[in-house]
N, C-alpha and C. Protein backbone atom coordinates (compact mmCIF):
# COMPACT_ATOMS: atom_id res chain seq x y z
N UNK A 1 0.81 -1.18 0.24
CA UNK A 1 -0.05 -0.18 0.40
C UNK A 1 0.53 1.48 0.09
N UNK A 2 0.70 1.98 -0.78
CA UNK A 2 1.54 3.34 -0.84
C UNK A 2 1.02 4.59 -0.70
N UNK A 3 1.29 5.91 0.14
CA UNK A 3 0.26 6.53 0.88
C UNK A 3 0.74 7.80 0.28
N UNK A 4 0.43 8.86 0.41
CA UNK A 4 0.85 10.46 0.12
C UNK A 4 1.01 11.00 1.24
N UNK A 5 1.99 11.58 1.27
CA UNK A 5 2.74 12.23 2.60
C UNK A 5 2.72 13.42 2.31
N UNK A 6 1.95 14.69 3.14
CA UNK A 6 1.82 16.07 2.84
C UNK A 6 2.82 16.55 4.04
N UNK A 7 3.50 17.34 3.27
CA UNK A 7 4.87 18.33 4.28
C UNK A 7 4.16 20.15 3.49
N UNK A 8 3.73 20.51 4.88
CA UNK A 8 3.23 21.74 4.29
C UNK A 8 4.95 23.12 5.02
N UNK A 9 4.67 23.95 3.90
CA UNK A 9 5.73 24.81 4.41
C UNK A 9 5.83 25.51 5.02
N UNK A 10 6.60 26.37 5.55
CA UNK A 10 6.85 27.63 7.17
C UNK A 10 5.27 29.17 6.29
N UNK A 11 5.38 29.42 4.99
CA UNK A 11 4.70 30.23 4.76
C UNK A 11 3.21 29.49 4.80
N UNK A 12 3.00 28.54 4.02
CA UNK A 12 2.01 27.50 4.31
C UNK A 12 0.86 27.78 5.74
N UNK A 13 2.10 27.02 6.39
CA UNK A 13 1.17 27.95 8.46
C UNK A 13 0.79 28.69 8.43
N UNK A 14 2.06 30.20 8.37
CA UNK A 14 2.23 30.81 9.15
C UNK A 14 0.63 31.40 8.34
N UNK A 15 -0.34 31.28 7.11
CA UNK A 15 -0.87 31.71 6.65
C UNK A 15 -2.50 31.63 7.18
N UNK A 16 -1.92 30.12 7.45
CA UNK A 16 -3.15 29.81 8.66
C UNK A 16 -3.27 30.31 10.19
N UNK A 17 -2.09 29.97 10.30
CA UNK A 17 -2.21 30.51 11.86
C UNK A 17 -2.28 32.28 11.90
N UNK A 18 -2.07 33.31 11.25
CA UNK A 18 -2.82 34.30 10.80
C UNK A 18 -3.67 34.70 10.02
N UNK A 19 -5.34 34.09 9.69
CA UNK A 19 -6.04 33.65 10.01
C UNK A 19 -6.68 32.86 10.98
N UNK A 20 -6.65 32.52 11.48
CA UNK A 20 -7.01 31.95 12.91
C UNK A 20 -6.78 33.26 13.49
N UNK A 21 -5.46 33.15 14.42
CA UNK A 21 -5.84 34.40 15.37
C UNK A 21 -5.68 35.96 14.36
N UNK A 22 -6.61 36.57 13.88
CA UNK A 22 -7.45 36.94 13.98
C UNK A 22 -8.79 37.52 13.95
N UNK A 23 -9.25 36.05 14.82
CA UNK A 23 -10.15 35.87 15.09
C UNK A 23 -10.42 36.32 16.90
N UNK A 24 -11.56 36.65 17.17
CA UNK A 24 -10.52 37.52 18.43
C UNK A 24 -12.37 37.28 19.64
N UNK A 25 -12.28 35.88 20.28
CA UNK A 25 -13.83 36.37 20.72
C UNK A 25 -14.04 36.66 22.23
N UNK A 26 -15.10 36.99 22.67
CA UNK A 26 -15.77 36.76 23.89
C UNK A 26 -17.08 37.24 24.76
N UNK A 27 -16.98 36.27 25.40
CA UNK A 27 -18.19 35.62 25.97
C UNK A 27 -18.79 36.04 27.27
N UNK A 28 -19.79 36.10 27.95
CA UNK A 28 -19.81 35.99 29.25
C UNK A 28 -20.96 37.60 29.05
N UNK A 29 -20.95 38.10 30.44
CA UNK A 29 -22.47 39.50 30.00
C UNK A 29 -21.95 40.31 29.82
N UNK A 30 -21.60 40.64 28.48
CA UNK A 30 -21.35 41.50 27.64
C UNK A 30 -22.24 43.14 27.87
N UNK A 31 -23.54 42.85 27.61
CA UNK A 31 -24.23 44.35 27.81
C UNK A 31 -24.85 44.30 29.64
N UNK A 32 -24.69 45.41 30.23
CA UNK A 32 -25.02 45.54 31.38
C UNK A 32 -25.83 46.41 31.47
N UNK A 33 -27.04 45.48 31.72
CA UNK A 33 -28.47 46.02 31.53
C UNK A 33 -28.93 45.63 33.77
N UNK A 34 -29.93 46.78 33.66
CA UNK A 34 -30.65 46.40 35.53
C UNK A 34 -31.12 44.81 35.84
N UNK A 35 -30.79 44.00 36.90
CA UNK A 35 -31.56 43.45 36.83
C UNK A 35 -32.55 43.09 37.81
N UNK A 36 -33.98 42.82 37.24
CA UNK A 36 -34.99 42.79 38.45
C UNK A 36 -35.25 41.85 39.22
N UNK A 37 -35.35 42.48 39.94
CA UNK A 37 -36.25 41.56 41.62
C UNK A 37 -37.14 40.11 41.01
N UNK A 38 -37.10 38.99 41.79
CA UNK A 38 -38.19 37.72 41.30
C UNK A 38 -39.29 37.93 42.15
N UNK A 39 -40.04 37.72 41.29
CA UNK A 39 -41.62 37.90 41.98
C UNK A 39 -42.14 37.31 42.97
N UNK A 40 -42.62 36.64 43.64
CA UNK A 40 -43.08 36.03 44.91
C UNK A 40 -43.82 35.17 44.79
N UNK A 41 -42.78 33.74 44.64
CA UNK A 41 -44.64 32.69 43.60
C UNK A 41 -44.33 32.48 42.81
N UNK A 42 -44.20 33.36 41.20
CA UNK A 42 -45.21 33.50 40.39
C UNK A 42 -43.48 32.54 39.72
N UNK A 43 -43.49 31.72 38.86
CA UNK A 43 -42.90 31.03 38.05
C UNK A 43 -43.30 30.85 36.79
N UNK A 44 -42.35 30.50 35.34
CA UNK A 44 -42.38 30.90 33.95
C UNK A 44 -41.33 29.46 33.65
N UNK A 45 -41.87 29.18 32.16
CA UNK A 45 -40.85 27.98 32.41
C UNK A 45 -39.72 29.01 31.18
N UNK A 46 -38.30 28.40 31.75
CA UNK A 46 -36.89 29.16 30.09
C UNK A 46 -36.35 27.69 30.47
N UNK A 47 -36.08 27.59 29.27
CA UNK A 47 -35.24 26.67 27.93
C UNK A 47 -35.64 25.46 29.05
N UNK A 48 -36.80 24.92 28.71
CA UNK A 48 -37.56 23.19 29.42
C UNK A 48 -37.27 23.32 30.66
N UNK A 49 -37.28 24.52 31.40
CA UNK A 49 -37.18 24.05 32.79
C UNK A 49 -37.70 25.60 33.68
N UNK A 50 -38.18 25.13 34.97
CA UNK A 50 -39.16 26.68 35.85
C UNK A 50 -37.64 27.21 36.24
N UNK A 51 -38.62 29.49 36.39
CA UNK A 51 -37.64 29.79 36.61
C UNK A 51 -38.77 31.01 36.86
N UNK A 52 -38.48 31.84 38.25
CA UNK A 52 -39.43 32.43 39.04
C UNK A 52 -39.60 33.82 37.42
N UNK A 53 -41.04 34.60 37.84
CA UNK A 53 -41.08 35.61 37.14
C UNK A 53 -40.51 36.91 37.99
N UNK A 54 -40.03 37.75 37.36
CA UNK A 54 -39.48 38.79 37.26
C UNK A 54 -40.77 39.80 37.93
N UNK A 55 -39.93 41.13 39.11
CA UNK A 55 -41.24 42.60 39.65
C UNK A 55 -40.50 43.17 39.10
N UNK A 56 -41.62 44.54 38.96
CA UNK A 56 -40.66 45.74 38.77
C UNK A 56 -39.58 46.30 39.23
N UNK A 57 -38.94 45.92 40.71
CA UNK A 57 -37.59 45.96 41.32
C UNK A 57 -36.80 46.12 40.48
N UNK A 58 -35.83 46.65 40.41
CA UNK A 58 -34.54 47.16 40.08
C UNK A 58 -33.22 46.63 40.92
N UNK A 59 -32.69 45.25 40.93
CA UNK A 59 -32.02 45.81 41.83
C UNK A 59 -30.86 45.26 41.33
N UNK A 60 -29.88 45.95 41.20
CA UNK A 60 -28.74 46.20 40.38
C UNK A 60 -28.37 45.89 38.84
N UNK A 61 -27.02 45.12 38.68
CA UNK A 61 -27.53 44.72 37.28
C UNK A 61 -26.77 43.17 36.99
N UNK A 62 -27.06 43.06 35.47
CA UNK A 62 -27.05 41.52 35.40
C UNK A 62 -25.25 41.19 35.88
N UNK A 63 -24.04 42.28 35.40
CA UNK A 63 -22.76 42.18 35.76
C UNK A 63 -22.53 41.98 36.50
N UNK A 64 -23.30 42.99 38.23
CA UNK A 64 -23.34 42.83 38.91
C UNK A 64 -23.91 41.57 39.90
N UNK A 65 -25.19 41.08 39.41
CA UNK A 65 -25.19 39.48 40.08
C UNK A 65 -24.32 38.60 39.66
N UNK A 66 -23.25 38.59 38.12
CA UNK A 66 -23.17 37.61 37.77
C UNK A 66 -21.98 37.69 38.61
N UNK A 67 -21.03 38.00 39.58
CA UNK A 67 -20.01 37.99 40.20
C UNK A 67 -20.10 37.83 41.12
N UNK A 68 -21.72 38.97 41.81
CA UNK A 68 -21.95 37.89 42.98
C UNK A 68 -22.35 36.45 43.72
N UNK A 69 -22.77 35.57 42.62
CA UNK A 69 -23.07 34.33 42.46
C UNK A 69 -22.21 33.55 41.87
N UNK A 70 -20.49 33.75 41.10
CA UNK A 70 -19.83 33.48 41.11
C UNK A 70 -19.04 33.44 42.30
N UNK A 71 -18.59 34.71 42.60
CA UNK A 71 -17.90 34.98 44.57
C UNK A 71 -18.82 34.07 45.25
N UNK A 72 -19.91 34.21 45.21
CA UNK A 72 -20.78 33.01 46.44
C UNK A 72 -20.48 31.61 46.16
N UNK A 73 -20.79 30.96 44.94
CA UNK A 73 -20.21 30.16 44.67
C UNK A 73 -19.10 29.42 44.68
N UNK A 74 -18.39 29.89 44.40
CA UNK A 74 -16.75 29.51 43.97
C UNK A 74 -16.59 28.86 42.26
N UNK A 75 -16.98 29.48 41.69
CA UNK A 75 -16.95 29.03 40.23
C UNK A 75 -17.10 30.53 39.35
N UNK A 76 -16.22 30.09 38.64
CA UNK A 76 -16.31 31.48 37.11
C UNK A 76 -17.04 30.05 36.11
N UNK A 77 -18.09 30.69 35.98
CA UNK A 77 -18.80 30.10 34.99
C UNK A 77 -18.82 30.02 33.77
N UNK A 78 -17.77 31.41 33.47
CA UNK A 78 -17.58 31.34 31.85
C UNK A 78 -15.84 30.90 32.00
N UNK A 79 -14.22 31.14 32.62
CA UNK A 79 -13.60 30.27 32.11
C UNK A 79 -13.84 28.95 33.13
N UNK A 80 -14.55 27.86 33.57
CA UNK A 80 -15.07 26.19 33.88
C UNK A 80 -15.38 26.13 32.59
N UNK A 81 -16.42 26.12 32.14
CA UNK A 81 -17.11 25.70 30.82
C UNK A 81 -16.56 25.44 29.95
N UNK A 82 -14.98 26.24 29.24
CA UNK A 82 -14.37 26.12 28.55
C UNK A 82 -12.97 24.89 28.83
N UNK A 83 -12.80 25.71 29.86
CA UNK A 83 -11.91 24.66 30.31
C UNK A 83 -12.25 22.42 30.84
N UNK A 84 -13.70 22.63 30.55
CA UNK A 84 -14.02 21.37 30.60
C UNK A 84 -13.94 20.82 29.51
N UNK A 85 -12.64 19.21 29.96
CA UNK A 85 -12.47 18.65 28.58
C UNK A 85 -13.31 17.65 28.14
N UNK A 86 -14.35 17.52 28.73
CA UNK A 86 -15.94 16.67 28.14
C UNK A 86 -16.77 17.54 27.83
N UNK A 87 -16.68 19.03 28.33
CA UNK A 87 -17.50 19.85 27.11
C UNK A 87 -17.81 19.89 25.39
N UNK A 88 -18.85 18.76 25.12
CA UNK A 88 -19.00 18.55 23.77
C UNK A 88 -19.04 20.08 22.91
N UNK A 89 -19.44 20.58 23.35
CA UNK A 89 -19.90 22.22 22.87
C UNK A 89 -18.51 22.41 21.98
N UNK A 90 -17.53 22.32 22.57
CA UNK A 90 -16.05 22.98 22.64
C UNK A 90 -15.83 22.48 20.78
N UNK A 91 -16.48 21.01 20.45
CA UNK A 91 -16.11 20.07 19.40
C UNK A 91 -16.45 20.78 18.49
N UNK A 92 -18.07 21.08 18.40
CA UNK A 92 -19.38 21.75 17.42
C UNK A 92 -18.29 23.51 17.29
N UNK A 93 -17.65 23.89 18.55
CA UNK A 93 -17.00 25.26 18.36
C UNK A 93 -15.87 24.81 17.31
N UNK A 94 -15.01 24.14 17.87
CA UNK A 94 -13.98 24.41 17.03
C UNK A 94 -14.14 23.81 15.03
N UNK A 95 -15.36 23.38 14.61
CA UNK A 95 -15.54 23.05 13.71
C UNK A 95 -15.77 24.10 12.95
N UNK A 96 -17.30 24.82 13.59
CA UNK A 96 -17.59 25.76 12.83
C UNK A 96 -16.98 27.33 13.18
N UNK A 97 -16.11 27.25 13.92
CA UNK A 97 -14.83 28.37 14.08
C UNK A 97 -13.58 28.34 12.62
N UNK A 98 -12.82 26.81 12.53
CA UNK A 98 -12.25 26.88 11.04
C UNK A 98 -12.98 26.92 10.01
N UNK A 99 -14.26 26.61 9.63
CA UNK A 99 -15.19 26.77 8.69
C UNK A 99 -14.84 28.25 8.56
N UNK A 100 -15.63 28.83 9.38
CA UNK A 100 -15.54 30.38 9.61
C UNK A 100 -14.00 30.99 9.06
N UNK A 101 -13.06 30.65 9.61
CA UNK A 101 -11.65 30.74 9.15
C UNK A 101 -10.76 30.68 7.96
N UNK A 102 -11.33 29.58 7.83
CA UNK A 102 -10.25 28.91 6.93
C UNK A 102 -11.52 28.89 5.80
N UNK A 103 -12.69 28.88 5.57
CA UNK A 103 -12.78 29.07 4.54
C UNK A 103 -14.38 30.08 4.10
N UNK A 104 -14.11 30.64 4.82
CA UNK A 104 -15.56 32.26 5.01
C UNK A 104 -17.02 31.69 5.10
N UNK A 105 -16.82 31.17 5.56
CA UNK A 105 -18.14 31.05 5.91
C UNK A 105 -19.09 31.84 7.27
N UNK A 106 -20.38 31.29 7.15
CA UNK A 106 -21.29 32.62 8.52
C UNK A 106 -20.71 32.41 9.63
N UNK A 107 -20.06 33.56 10.06
CA UNK A 107 -19.49 34.00 11.55
C UNK A 107 -20.76 33.31 13.00
N UNK A 108 -21.79 33.27 12.57
CA UNK A 108 -22.81 33.32 13.18
C UNK A 108 -22.73 31.67 13.97
N UNK A 109 -23.05 30.40 13.43
CA UNK A 109 -23.01 29.49 14.13
C UNK A 109 -21.71 29.33 15.21
N UNK A 110 -20.35 30.05 14.30
CA UNK A 110 -19.85 29.65 15.39
C UNK A 110 -19.64 30.59 16.89
N UNK A 111 -20.66 32.11 16.61
CA UNK A 111 -20.32 32.50 17.81
C UNK A 111 -21.83 31.66 18.50
N UNK A 112 -22.77 31.84 18.40
CA UNK A 112 -24.09 30.87 18.41
C UNK A 112 -23.21 29.62 19.79
N UNK A 113 -22.38 28.76 18.87
CA UNK A 113 -21.65 27.97 19.76
C UNK A 113 -20.73 28.14 21.25
N UNK A 114 -19.90 29.13 21.01
CA UNK A 114 -19.17 29.48 21.56
C UNK A 114 -20.19 30.33 23.13
N UNK A 115 -21.49 30.89 22.41
CA UNK A 115 -22.33 30.81 23.47
C UNK A 115 -22.99 29.46 24.39
N UNK A 116 -22.71 28.93 23.53
CA UNK A 116 -23.72 27.25 23.64
C UNK A 116 -22.99 26.59 25.03
N UNK A 117 -21.22 27.00 23.99
CA UNK A 117 -20.21 26.37 25.91
C UNK A 117 -20.57 26.82 27.33
N UNK A 118 -20.52 28.48 27.42
CA UNK A 118 -20.82 28.44 28.90
C UNK A 118 -22.97 28.07 29.28
N UNK A 119 -23.50 28.17 28.16
CA UNK A 119 -24.72 28.46 28.37
C UNK A 119 -25.69 27.17 29.07
N UNK A 120 -24.92 25.69 27.71
CA UNK A 120 -25.30 24.45 28.00
C UNK A 120 -25.17 23.23 29.31
N UNK A 121 -23.92 24.27 29.82
CA UNK A 121 -23.64 23.32 31.10
C UNK A 121 -24.75 23.58 32.71
N UNK A 122 -25.24 24.80 32.50
CA UNK A 122 -25.78 25.35 33.81
C UNK A 122 -27.49 24.55 33.16
N UNK A 123 -27.60 24.27 31.65
CA UNK A 123 -29.32 23.66 32.15
C UNK A 123 -28.77 22.32 31.91
N UNK A 124 -27.76 21.81 31.63
CA UNK A 124 -27.53 20.25 32.11
C UNK A 124 -27.57 20.47 33.50
N UNK A 125 -27.05 21.17 34.07
CA UNK A 125 -27.34 20.87 35.89
C UNK A 125 -25.25 20.61 36.14
N UNK A 126 -24.73 20.82 35.14
CA UNK A 126 -23.03 20.53 35.64
C UNK A 126 -22.82 21.06 36.62
N UNK A 127 -23.43 21.97 37.55
CA UNK A 127 -22.81 22.87 38.68
C UNK A 127 -23.13 21.73 39.54
N UNK A 128 -24.07 21.11 39.30
CA UNK A 128 -24.88 21.10 40.89
C UNK A 128 -26.01 21.69 41.23
N UNK A 129 -27.44 20.28 42.19
CA UNK A 129 -28.57 21.56 42.60
C UNK A 129 -27.81 22.41 43.15
N UNK A 130 -29.06 23.31 43.67
CA UNK A 130 -29.29 24.52 44.87
C UNK A 130 -28.73 24.08 46.23
N UNK A 131 -28.72 24.89 47.03
CA UNK A 131 -28.73 24.14 48.75
C UNK A 131 -30.79 24.21 48.70
N UNK A 132 -30.03 23.10 50.12
CA UNK A 132 -32.30 22.96 49.73
C UNK A 132 -32.65 24.47 50.29
N UNK A 133 -32.03 25.60 50.37
CA UNK A 133 -32.51 26.71 51.51
C UNK A 133 -32.54 27.53 50.09
N UNK A 134 -31.68 27.79 49.29
CA UNK A 134 -31.66 27.96 47.83
C UNK A 134 -33.43 27.19 46.80
N UNK A 135 -32.82 26.07 46.86
CA UNK A 135 -34.39 25.56 46.57
C UNK A 135 -35.12 25.56 47.30
N UNK A 136 -36.12 25.61 48.63
CA UNK A 136 -37.22 26.16 48.76
C UNK A 136 -37.16 27.68 48.18
N UNK A 137 -36.29 28.44 48.63
CA UNK A 137 -37.29 30.08 48.03
C UNK A 137 -36.60 30.55 47.02
N UNK A 138 -36.95 29.55 45.65
CA UNK A 138 -37.03 29.41 44.19
C UNK A 138 -37.57 28.74 44.23
N UNK A 139 -38.33 27.65 44.58
CA UNK A 139 -39.45 27.04 43.89
C UNK A 139 -38.86 26.12 43.36
N UNK A 140 -37.48 25.12 43.25
CA UNK A 140 -36.82 24.55 42.31
C UNK A 140 -35.25 24.72 42.71
N UNK A 141 -34.73 23.73 42.10
CA UNK A 141 -32.93 23.89 42.56
C UNK A 141 -32.42 23.30 40.30
N UNK A 142 -32.42 24.81 40.01
CA UNK A 142 -31.81 24.86 39.28
C UNK A 142 -30.06 26.14 39.51
N UNK A 143 -29.19 25.35 39.55
CA UNK A 143 -27.80 26.00 39.52
C UNK A 143 -27.68 27.50 38.87
N UNK A 144 -27.34 28.71 39.14
CA UNK A 144 -27.91 29.31 37.96
C UNK A 144 -28.67 30.30 37.37
N UNK A 145 -29.82 29.53 38.17
CA UNK A 145 -31.01 30.51 37.19
C UNK A 145 -31.36 30.84 37.92
N UNK A 146 -32.40 31.59 38.30
CA UNK A 146 -33.52 32.05 39.05
C UNK A 146 -34.50 32.82 37.70
N UNK A 147 -34.32 33.55 37.87
CA UNK A 147 -35.76 34.97 36.82
C UNK A 147 -34.41 34.17 35.78
N UNK A 148 -34.02 33.93 35.13
CA UNK A 148 -33.10 33.16 34.27
C UNK A 148 -32.02 34.59 33.74
N UNK A 149 -32.31 35.98 33.99
CA UNK A 149 -32.19 37.35 33.46
C UNK A 149 -30.61 37.04 33.43
N UNK A 150 -29.55 36.42 34.27
CA UNK A 150 -27.97 36.36 33.61
C UNK A 150 -28.21 35.32 32.90
N UNK A 151 -28.78 34.05 33.06
CA UNK A 151 -28.44 32.94 31.74
C UNK A 151 -29.19 34.02 30.34
N UNK A 152 -29.68 34.71 30.26
CA UNK A 152 -29.81 35.87 29.39
C UNK A 152 -28.97 36.31 28.89
N UNK A 153 -28.38 37.09 29.88
CA UNK A 153 -27.60 37.66 29.38
C UNK A 153 -26.28 37.28 29.26
N UNK A 154 -25.55 35.82 29.31
CA UNK A 154 -24.75 35.28 28.51
C UNK A 154 -24.08 35.15 27.37
N UNK A 155 -24.04 35.95 26.78
CA UNK A 155 -23.42 35.88 25.47
C UNK A 155 -22.43 36.14 24.62
N UNK A 156 -22.00 35.68 23.56
CA UNK A 156 -20.34 35.96 22.78
C UNK A 156 -20.82 36.59 21.70
N UNK A 157 -19.70 36.86 21.55
CA UNK A 157 -19.07 38.23 19.68
C UNK A 157 -17.55 37.84 19.38
N UNK A 158 -18.04 38.24 17.85
CA UNK A 158 -16.63 37.74 17.70
C UNK A 158 -15.99 38.90 16.88
N UNK A 159 -14.98 39.08 17.30
CA UNK A 159 -14.25 40.45 16.19
C UNK A 159 -12.75 39.83 15.45
N UNK A 160 -13.06 40.17 14.07
CA UNK A 160 -11.93 40.08 13.50
C UNK A 160 -11.13 41.24 13.14
N UNK A 161 -9.83 41.19 13.55
CA UNK A 161 -8.61 41.73 13.84
C UNK A 161 -8.41 42.27 11.94
N UNK A 162 -8.27 43.63 11.52
CA UNK A 162 -7.22 44.08 10.57
C UNK A 162 -5.66 43.72 10.54
N UNK A 163 -5.16 42.26 9.98
CA UNK A 163 -3.75 41.72 9.75
C UNK A 163 -3.90 42.29 8.31
N UNK A 164 -2.31 43.57 8.23
CA UNK A 164 -2.21 43.44 6.50
C UNK A 164 -1.58 42.69 6.29
């Protein structure tokens, strides 16, 4: 059996590397909006599960809530999700990203999948259940989801650097 051996020269590798490194992704709470307090006893459905409805009273911002929740639970949901070796969303993102970076395909799929890398572990319950007291106060046990404002505030965006 004979095979073909492909050898890539340095210029080809540099071109590919340059195309990949032009793309920058941000994921997290990118728009700091007012965060409303939960309404008492009223539930709604969010992403296939329960969440509390919001009241009209503003309690800080989505960014301040994200910082507070992460500090209290000692979990950086943005970095931890990306570093999880078993996060199957990373493979899907990598495929879409390479299609965007190397083939020039529409970047929306890659951006949506970057957002999913952080959101999906929350939906799957990878961070475990709430404490009994938190579950009792909310009426359900979904960690990092109360009214859904923080969950919905988790967004991703892609920037492309202009490189000569």
